[in-house]
Amino acid sequence: MENFKTLMTFMFPTELAVVKSKLESEDIDCRVLDENTVQVHNFLSQAIGGVRLQVAESNLERAREIIEESGLAEKEKQPEQSEIEKTIENPKFQKRMKFLLFSLVTIIIILASTLFVYRYLNRPTDLELLTKRNWCVDYIVYQNQEYVPYTLSDQIQIRFVGACSEKLNFETTGNVQFPGFNSSRINGKWKLENNVMKVSEIDTLDFLLERKYEYEINQKELILKSESLTIYCSNLMRGNY
């Protein structure tokens, strides 16, 4: 069976009727591809490459001569580009888009850098984190033994799941309150000296709590460390920082 080759393409089936009739009058068999598809959905013509008019490979040169002699070659219409495609391929448009993309990336980098610097410059100090956060004492480790605080009170205590009543409160006045360990709350004094927290004047369990601590603090947790005692705390609420 002889191969057929595409001779011309048209946007719509009606545009090839004259050419096809002329070739068939010269005893050249023609075959049309994608005609039905385009008739049903005209908008698909450009996507599939138009309607193709094919002739046998042996008749290809003769068919070309006939349509040229008949002045029908100009009737061939390649699928036209849409306005959007023409705009996209326009060098001026591409240059403008590159500039806009570069500008957008630059703006994003500037905004991200500004936000980072702002947050860095306005980050809370250790003092603000200690005094403006509510800290819950989760547990302590004393001489390699773990203990959980439990504060005794004359009032009836209702302990909700997920809530913490064993609080460690640092006041800007220099007072500090620890939770009790099968005792009432423990009061004392605190201050920061050269990145070390000094706790003094403890009224109960002074042998346990009255000492100097190295500390680690961030938005969510506080850890106080001394030679034989470590206090682990978590943040109760987000507050303003």
C-alpha atoms as a PDB file:
ATOM      1  CA  MET A   1       0.000   0.000   0.000  1.00  0.00           C
ATOM      2  CA  GLU A   2       1.446   3.345  -1.070  1.00  0.00           C
ATOM      3  CA  ASN A   3       2.270   5.917   1.570  1.00  0.00           C
ATOM      4  CA  PHE A   4       0.353   9.169   1.650  1.00  0.00           C
ATOM      5  CA  LYS A   5       2.104  12.457   2.393  1.00  0.00           C
ATOM      6  CA  THR A   6       0.637  15.734   3.618  1.00  0.00           C
ATOM      7  CA  LEU A   7       0.440  18.243   0.786  1.00  0.00           C
ATOM      8  CA  MET A   8      -1.335  21.153   2.461  1.00  0.00           C
ATOM      9  CA  THR A   9      -2.982  22.024   5.754  1.00  0.00           C
ATOM     10  CA  PHE A  10      -6.052  24.170   6.387  1.00  0.00           C
ATOM     11  CA  MET A  11      -7.681  25.679   9.435  1.00  0.00           C
ATOM     12  CA  PHE A  12     -11.155  24.438   8.454  1.00  0.00           C
ATOM     13  CA  PRO A  13     -12.460  21.681   6.128  1.00  0.00           C
ATOM     14  CA  THR A  14     -14.297  24.184   3.898  1.00  0.00           C
ATOM     15  CA  GLU A  15     -10.983  25.808   2.934  1.00  0.00           C
ATOM     16  CA  LEU A  16      -9.626  22.663   1.243  1.00  0.00           C
ATOM     17  CA  ALA A  17     -12.685  21.898  -0.906  1.00  0.00           C
ATOM     18  CA  VAL A  18     -11.461  23.784  -4.020  1.00  0.00           C
ATOM     19  CA  VAL A  19      -7.949  22.314  -3.849  1.00  0.00           C
ATOM     20  CA  LYS A  20      -9.245  18.793  -3.288  1.00  0.00           C
ATOM     21  CA  SER A  21     -11.713  19.103  -6.191  1.00  0.00           C
ATOM     22  CA  LYS A  22      -8.973  20.348  -8.522  1.00  0.00           C
ATOM     23  CA  LEU A  23      -6.625  17.471  -7.679  1.00  0.00           C
ATOM     24  CA  GLU A  24      -9.349  14.858  -8.041  1.00  0.00           C
ATOM     25  CA  SER A  25     -10.255  16.307 -11.452  1.00  0.00           C
ATOM     26  CA  GLU A  26      -6.645  15.541 -12.438  1.00  0.00           C
ATOM     27  CA  ASP A  27      -7.095  11.910 -11.284  1.00  0.00           C
ATOM     28  CA  ILE A  28      -5.086  12.389  -8.103  1.00  0.00           C
ATOM     29  CA  ASP A  29      -6.537  10.543  -5.150  1.00  0.00           C
ATOM     30  CA  CYS A  30      -6.752  12.663  -1.981  1.00  0.00           C
ATOM     31  CA  ARG A  31      -7.125  11.818   1.643  1.00  0.00           C
ATOM     32  CA  VAL A  32      -8.226  14.243   4.345  1.00  0.00           C
ATOM     33  CA  LEU A  33      -7.143  13.803   8.000  1.00  0.00           C
ATOM     34  CA  ASP A  34      -8.784  15.267  11.114  1.00  0.00           C
ATOM     35  CA  GLU A  35     -11.683  16.703   9.130  1.00  0.00           C
ATOM     36  CA  ASN A  36     -14.372  15.258  11.389  1.00  0.00           C
ATOM     37  CA  THR A  37     -12.537  16.324  14.562  1.00  0.00           C
ATOM     38  CA  VAL A  38     -12.332  19.943  13.422  1.00  0.00           C
ATOM     39  CA  GLN A  39     -15.950  19.936  12.210  1.00  0.00           C
ATOM     40  CA  VAL A  40     -17.126  18.882  15.668  1.00  0.00           C
ATOM     41  CA  HIS A  41     -14.722  21.096  17.623  1.00  0.00           C
ATOM     42  CA  ASN A  42     -13.398  23.995  15.514  1.00  0.00           C
ATOM     43  CA  PHE A  43     -11.246  25.290  18.364  1.00  0.00           C
ATOM     44  CA  LEU A  44      -9.148  22.104  18.183  1.00  0.00           C
ATOM     45  CA  SER A  45      -7.869  22.897  14.689  1.00  0.00           C
ATOM     46  CA  GLN A  46      -4.887  24.884  15.890  1.00  0.00           C
ATOM     47  CA  ALA A  47      -4.058  22.382  18.608  1.00  0.00           C
ATOM     48  CA  ILE A  48      -3.922  19.371  16.255  1.00  0.00           C
ATOM     49  CA  GLY A  49      -2.199  21.213  13.400  1.00  0.00           C
ATOM     50  CA  GLY A  50      -5.228  21.882  11.177  1.00  0.00           C
ATOM     51  CA  VAL A  51      -6.959  19.708   8.595  1.00  0.00           C
ATOM     52  CA  ARG A  52      -4.398  17.832   6.484  1.00  0.00           C
ATOM     53  CA  LEU A  53      -4.812  17.169   2.785  1.00  0.00           C
ATOM     54  CA  GLN A  54      -2.718  14.169   1.724  1.00  0.00           C
ATOM     55  CA  VAL A  55      -1.864  12.563  -1.613  1.00  0.00           C
ATOM     56  CA  ALA A  56       0.051   9.438  -2.555  1.00  0.00           C
ATOM     57  CA  GLU A  57       3.811   9.904  -2.308  1.00  0.00           C
ATOM     58  CA  SER A  58       4.199   9.149  -6.041  1.00  0.00           C
ATOM     59  CA  ASN A  59       1.783  11.992  -6.880  1.00  0.00           C
ATOM     60  CA  LEU A  60       3.239  14.516  -4.456  1.00  0.00           C
ATOM     61  CA  GLU A  61       5.364  16.505  -6.939  1.00  0.00           C
ATOM     62  CA  ARG A  62       2.679  16.463  -9.638  1.00  0.00           C
ATOM     63  CA  ALA A  63       0.052  17.642  -7.113  1.00  0.00           C
ATOM     64  CA  ARG A  64       2.287  20.542  -6.107  1.00  0.00           C
ATOM     65  CA  GLU A  65       2.737  21.563  -9.744  1.00  0.00           C
ATOM     66  CA  ILE A  66      -1.026  21.480 -10.317  1.00  0.00           C
ATOM     67  CA  ILE A  67      -1.886  23.694  -7.359  1.00  0.00           C
ATOM     68  CA  GLU A  68       0.902  26.129  -8.243  1.00  0.00           C
ATOM     69  CA  GLU A  69      -0.190  26.354 -11.883  1.00  0.00           C
ATOM     70  CA  SER A  70      -3.789  26.782 -10.774  1.00  0.00           C
ATOM     71  CA  GLY A  71      -2.861  29.561  -8.322  1.00  0.00           C
ATOM     72  CA  LEU A  72      -4.261  27.564  -5.420  1.00  0.00           C
ATOM     73  CA  ALA A  73      -1.072  27.425  -3.380  1.00  0.00           C
ATOM     74  CA  GLU A  74      -1.912  30.730  -1.711  1.00  0.00           C
ATOM     75  CA  LYS A  75      -5.060  29.186  -0.330  1.00  0.00           C
ATOM     76  CA  GLU A  76      -3.022  27.001   2.035  1.00  0.00           C
ATOM     77  CA  LYS A  77      -3.443  28.311   5.509  1.00  0.00           C
ATOM     78  CA  GLN A  78      -1.339  27.245   8.408  1.00  0.00           C
ATOM     79  CA  PRO A  79      -2.980  27.459  11.823  1.00  0.00           C
ATOM     80  CA  GLU A  80      -2.590  31.006  13.010  1.00  0.00           C
ATOM     81  CA  GLN A  81      -1.144  31.880  16.363  1.00  0.00           C
ATOM     82  CA  SER A  82      -3.527  33.223  18.955  1.00  0.00           C
ATOM     83  CA  GLU A  83      -3.055  36.745  20.261  1.00  0.00           C
ATOM     84  CA  ILE A  84      -1.779  35.316  23.532  1.00  0.00           C
ATOM     85  CA  GLU A  85       0.876  33.236  21.736  1.00  0.00           C
ATOM     86  CA  LYS A  86       1.940  36.211  19.646  1.00  0.00           C
ATOM     87  CA  THR A  87       2.251  38.333  22.777  1.00  0.00           C
ATOM     88  CA  ILE A  88       4.266  35.684  24.618  1.00  0.00           C
ATOM     89  CA  GLU A  89       6.708  35.301  21.727  1.00  0.00           C
ATOM     90  CA  ASN A  90       7.171  39.045  21.383  1.00  0.00           C
ATOM     91  CA  PRO A  91      10.771  39.909  22.453  1.00  0.00           C
ATOM     92  CA  LYS A  92       9.594  43.125  24.119  1.00  0.00           C
ATOM     93  CA  PHE A  93       7.048  41.201  26.158  1.00  0.00           C
ATOM     94  CA  GLN A  94       9.660  38.601  27.168  1.00  0.00           C
ATOM     95  CA  LYS A  95      12.066  41.346  28.191  1.00  0.00           C
ATOM     96  CA  ARG A  96       9.339  43.033  30.220  1.00  0.00           C
ATOM     97  CA  MET A  97       8.417  39.761  31.926  1.00  0.00           C
ATOM     98  CA  LYS A  98      12.069  39.088  32.829  1.00  0.00           C
ATOM     99  CA  PHE A  99      12.272  42.539  34.364  1.00  0.00           C
ATOM    100  CA  LEU A 100       9.047  42.019  36.316  1.00  0.00           C
ATOM    101  CA  LEU A 101      10.225  38.608  37.540  1.00  0.00           C
ATOM    102  CA  PHE A 102      13.567  40.065  38.609  1.00  0.00           C
ATOM    103  CA  SER A 103      11.758  42.911  40.392  1.00  0.00           C
ATOM    104  CA  LEU A 104       9.412  40.499  42.155  1.00  0.00           C
ATOM    105  CA  VAL A 105      12.283  38.305  43.371  1.00  0.00           C
ATOM    106  CA  THR A 106      14.146  41.401  44.559  1.00  0.00           C
ATOM    107  CA  ILE A 107      11.102  42.661  46.471  1.00  0.00           C
ATOM    108  CA  ILE A 108      10.594  39.255  48.125  1.00  0.00           C
ATOM    109  CA  ILE A 109      14.257  39.142  49.183  1.00  0.00           C
ATOM    110  CA  ILE A 110      14.076  42.691  50.583  1.00  0.00           C
ATOM    111  CA  LEU A 111      10.852  41.943  52.503  1.00  0.00           C
ATOM    112  CA  ALA A 112      12.238  38.680  53.897  1.00  0.00           C
ATOM    113  CA  SER A 113      15.465  40.395  54.947  1.00  0.00           C
ATOM    114  CA  THR A 114      13.550  43.268  56.546  1.00  0.00           C
ATOM    115  CA  LEU A 115      11.328  40.858  58.466  1.00  0.00           C
ATOM    116  CA  PHE A 116      14.343  38.872  59.663  1.00  0.00           C
ATOM    117  CA  VAL A 117      16.149  42.032  60.845  1.00  0.00           C
ATOM    118  CA  TYR A 118      12.987  43.328  62.522  1.00  0.00           C
ATOM    119  CA  ARG A 119      12.410  40.093  64.389  1.00  0.00           C
ATOM    120  CA  TYR A 120      16.082  39.893  65.332  1.00  0.00           C
ATOM    121  CA  LEU A 121      16.191  43.462  66.649  1.00  0.00           C
ATOM    122  CA  ASN A 122      12.891  43.053  68.489  1.00  0.00           C
ATOM    123  CA  ARG A 123      13.524  39.605  69.921  1.00  0.00           C
ATOM    124  CA  PRO A 124      12.801  39.436  73.652  1.00  0.00           C
ATOM    125  CA  THR A 125      15.671  39.543  76.100  1.00  0.00           C
ATOM    126  CA  ASP A 126      16.249  36.760  78.605  1.00  0.00           C
ATOM    127  CA  LEU A 127      14.842  39.018  81.301  1.00  0.00           C
ATOM    128  CA  GLU A 128      11.655  39.579  79.311  1.00  0.00           C
ATOM    129  CA  LEU A 129      11.265  35.878  78.611  1.00  0.00           C
ATOM    130  CA  LEU A 130      11.718  35.015  82.273  1.00  0.00           C
ATOM    131  CA  THR A 131       9.312  37.613  83.646  1.00  0.00           C
ATOM    132  CA  LYS A 132       6.675  37.851  80.902  1.00  0.00           C
ATOM    133  CA  ARG A 133       6.200  34.157  80.349  1.00  0.00           C
ATOM    134  CA  ASN A 134       4.395  31.729  82.580  1.00  0.00           C
ATOM    135  CA  TRP A 135       6.663  28.787  83.305  1.00  0.00           C
ATOM    136  CA  CYS A 136       5.476  25.372  84.385  1.00  0.00           C
ATOM    137  CA  VAL A 137       7.916  23.153  86.287  1.00  0.00           C
ATOM    138  CA  ASP A 138       7.585  19.772  84.605  1.00  0.00           C
ATOM    139  CA  TYR A 139      10.092  17.971  86.836  1.00  0.00           C
ATOM    140  CA  ILE A 140      13.494  18.306  88.468  1.00  0.00           C
ATOM    141  CA  VAL A 141      16.482  16.012  88.552  1.00  0.00           C
ATOM    142  CA  TYR A 142      18.377  16.028  91.842  1.00  0.00           C
ATOM    143  CA  GLN A 143      21.414  13.781  92.289  1.00  0.00           C
ATOM    144  CA  ASN A 144      20.279  11.711  89.297  1.00  0.00           C
ATOM    145  CA  GLN A 145      16.805  11.180  90.771  1.00  0.00           C
ATOM    146  CA  GLU A 146      13.716  12.620  89.089  1.00  0.00           C
ATOM    147  CA  TYR A 147      11.054  14.437  91.164  1.00  0.00           C
ATOM    148  CA  VAL A 148       7.748  16.020  90.205  1.00  0.00           C
ATOM    149  CA  PRO A 149       6.603  19.063  92.222  1.00  0.00           C
ATOM    150  CA  TYR A 150       3.356  18.987  94.152  1.00  0.00           C
ATOM    151  CA  THR A 151       2.234  22.110  95.952  1.00  0.00           C
ATOM    152  CA  LEU A 152       0.122  21.743  99.091  1.00  0.00           C
ATOM    153  CA  SER A 153      -2.574  24.318  99.730  1.00  0.00           C
ATOM    154  CA  ASP A 154      -5.213  25.015 102.368  1.00  0.00           C
ATOM    155  CA  GLN A 155      -7.683  25.613  99.559  1.00  0.00           C
ATOM    156  CA  ILE A 156      -9.347  22.928  97.479  1.00  0.00           C
ATOM    157  CA  GLN A 157      -7.361  22.464  94.279  1.00  0.00           C
ATOM    158  CA  ILE A 158      -8.905  21.369  91.015  1.00  0.00           C
ATOM    159  CA  ARG A 159      -6.273  20.114  88.609  1.00  0.00           C
ATOM    160  CA  PHE A 160      -7.335  19.949  84.987  1.00  0.00           C
ATOM    161  CA  VAL A 161      -5.714  17.634  82.473  1.00  0.00           C
ATOM    162  CA  GLY A 162      -3.278  19.617  80.346  1.00  0.00           C
ATOM    163  CA  ALA A 163      -3.192  22.540  82.783  1.00  0.00           C
ATOM    164  CA  CYS A 164      -0.283  23.280  85.068  1.00  0.00           C
ATOM    165  CA  SER A 165      -0.526  24.542  88.649  1.00  0.00           C
ATOM    166  CA  GLU A 166       3.142  23.947  89.464  1.00  0.00           C
ATOM    167  CA  LYS A 167       4.368  27.332  88.291  1.00  0.00           C
ATOM    168  CA  LEU A 168       7.706  29.042  88.544  1.00  0.00           C
ATOM    169  CA  ASN A 169       7.178  32.806  88.719  1.00  0.00           C
ATOM    170  CA  PHE A 170       9.954  35.337  88.210  1.00  0.00           C
ATOM    171  CA  GLU A 171       8.975  38.873  89.202  1.00  0.00           C
ATOM    172  CA  THR A 172      10.703  42.034  87.985  1.00  0.00           C
ATOM    173  CA  THR A 173      10.986  43.064  91.655  1.00  0.00           C
ATOM    174  CA  GLY A 174      13.487  40.243  92.202  1.00  0.00           C
ATOM    175  CA  ASN A 175      11.106  37.878  93.959  1.00  0.00           C
ATOM    176  CA  VAL A 176      10.697  34.298  92.775  1.00  0.00           C
ATOM    177  CA  GLN A 177       8.161  31.605  93.636  1.00  0.00           C
ATOM    178  CA  PHE A 178       8.851  27.916  93.162  1.00  0.00           C
ATOM    179  CA  PRO A 179       6.195  25.212  93.375  1.00  0.00           C
ATOM    180  CA  GLY A 180       6.247  23.071  96.480  1.00  0.00           C
ATOM    181  CA  PHE A 181       7.427  19.510  96.848  1.00  0.00           C
ATOM    182  CA  ASN A 182       4.716  18.144  99.112  1.00  0.00           C
ATOM    183  CA  SER A 183       4.853  21.587 100.694  1.00  0.00           C
ATOM    184  CA  SER A 184       3.442  25.064 100.159  1.00  0.00           C
ATOM    185  CA  ARG A 185       4.926  27.340  97.501  1.00  0.00           C
ATOM    186  CA  ILE A 186       8.537  28.319  98.068  1.00  0.00           C
ATOM    187  CA  ASN A 187       9.594  31.976  98.046  1.00  0.00           C
ATOM    188  CA  GLY A 188      12.973  33.518  97.448  1.00  0.00           C
ATOM    189  CA  LYS A 189      15.013  36.065  95.519  1.00  0.00           C
ATOM    190  CA  TRP A 190      16.594  35.900  92.102  1.00  0.00           C
ATOM    191  CA  LYS A 191      18.856  37.946  89.857  1.00  0.00           C
ATOM    192  CA  LEU A 192      20.930  37.543  86.724  1.00  0.00           C
ATOM    193  CA  GLU A 193      24.692  37.993  86.919  1.00  0.00           C
ATOM    194  CA  ASN A 194      26.894  37.422  83.864  1.00  0.00           C
ATOM    195  CA  ASN A 195      24.443  35.002  82.254  1.00  0.00           C
ATOM    196  CA  VAL A 196      24.082  33.089  85.496  1.00  0.00           C
ATOM    197  CA  MET A 197      20.939  33.068  87.643  1.00  0.00           C
ATOM    198  CA  LYS A 198      21.520  33.394  91.365  1.00  0.00           C
ATOM    199  CA  VAL A 199      18.683  32.197  93.625  1.00  0.00           C
ATOM    200  CA  SER A 200      18.895  33.180  97.298  1.00  0.00           C
ATOM    201  CA  GLU A 201      16.879  33.749 100.483  1.00  0.00           C
ATOM    202  CA  ILE A 202      14.803  30.618  99.920  1.00  0.00           C
ATOM    203  CA  ASP A 203      12.369  30.170 102.802  1.00  0.00           C
ATOM    204  CA  THR A 204      11.935  26.405 102.406  1.00  0.00           C
ATOM    205  CA  LEU A 205      14.187  23.705 100.961  1.00  0.00           C
ATOM    206  CA  ASP A 206      17.023  26.216 100.744  1.00  0.00           C
ATOM    207  CA  PHE A 207      19.558  23.354 100.590  1.00  0.00           C
ATOM    208  CA  LEU A 208      17.858  22.224  97.364  1.00  0.00           C
ATOM    209  CA  LEU A 209      17.014  25.424  95.514  1.00  0.00           C
ATOM    210  CA  GLU A 210      19.378  28.092  96.825  1.00  0.00           C
ATOM    211  CA  ARG A 211      22.273  28.054  94.394  1.00  0.00           C
ATOM    212  CA  LYS A 212      23.626  29.481  91.129  1.00  0.00           C
ATOM    213  CA  TYR A 213      22.185  28.161  87.893  1.00  0.00           C
ATOM    214  CA  GLU A 214      23.299  28.204  84.320  1.00  0.00           C
ATOM    215  CA  TYR A 215      20.187  28.538  82.205  1.00  0.00           C
ATOM    216  CA  GLU A 216      18.912  27.822  78.712  1.00  0.00           C
ATOM    217  CA  ILE A 217      15.818  29.686  77.597  1.00  0.00           C
ATOM    218  CA  ASN A 218      13.794  30.135  74.437  1.00  0.00           C
ATOM    219  CA  GLN A 219      10.190  30.752  73.497  1.00  0.00           C
ATOM    220  CA  LYS A 220       9.036  27.327  74.690  1.00  0.00           C
ATOM    221  CA  GLU A 221      11.290  26.005  77.426  1.00  0.00           C
ATOM    222  CA  LEU A 222      13.502  26.974  80.312  1.00  0.00           C
ATOM    223  CA  ILE A 223      16.204  24.762  81.844  1.00  0.00           C
ATOM    224  CA  LEU A 224      18.039  25.717  85.024  1.00  0.00           C
ATOM    225  CA  LYS A 225      21.228  23.752  85.678  1.00  0.00           C
ATOM    226  CA  SER A 226      23.469  23.547  88.700  1.00  0.00           C
ATOM    227  CA  GLU A 227      26.042  20.964  89.733  1.00  0.00           C
ATOM    228  CA  SER A 228      23.533  18.495  91.179  1.00  0.00           C
ATOM    229  CA  LEU A 229      20.129  19.963  90.333  1.00  0.00           C
ATOM    230  CA  THR A 230      18.382  20.555  86.989  1.00  0.00           C
ATOM    231  CA  ILE A 231      14.939  22.137  86.726  1.00  0.00           C
ATOM    232  CA  TYR A 232      12.954  21.549  83.511  1.00  0.00           C
ATOM    233  CA  CYS A 233      10.202  24.047  82.672  1.00  0.00           C
ATOM    234  CA  SER A 234       7.849  24.584  79.726  1.00  0.00           C
ATOM    235  CA  ASN A 235       6.017  27.659  78.598  1.00  0.00           C
ATOM    236  CA  LEU A 236       2.341  27.844  79.546  1.00  0.00           C
ATOM    237  CA  MET A 237       1.192  30.491  77.075  1.00  0.00           C
ATOM    238  CA  ARG A 238       2.482  32.512  74.168  1.00  0.00           C
ATOM    239  CA  GLY A 239       2.086  35.946  75.706  1.00  0.00           C
ATOM    240  CA  ASN A 240       3.395  38.872  73.677  1.00  0.00           C
ATOM    241  CA  TYR A 241       6.596  37.286  72.439  1.00  0.00           C
END
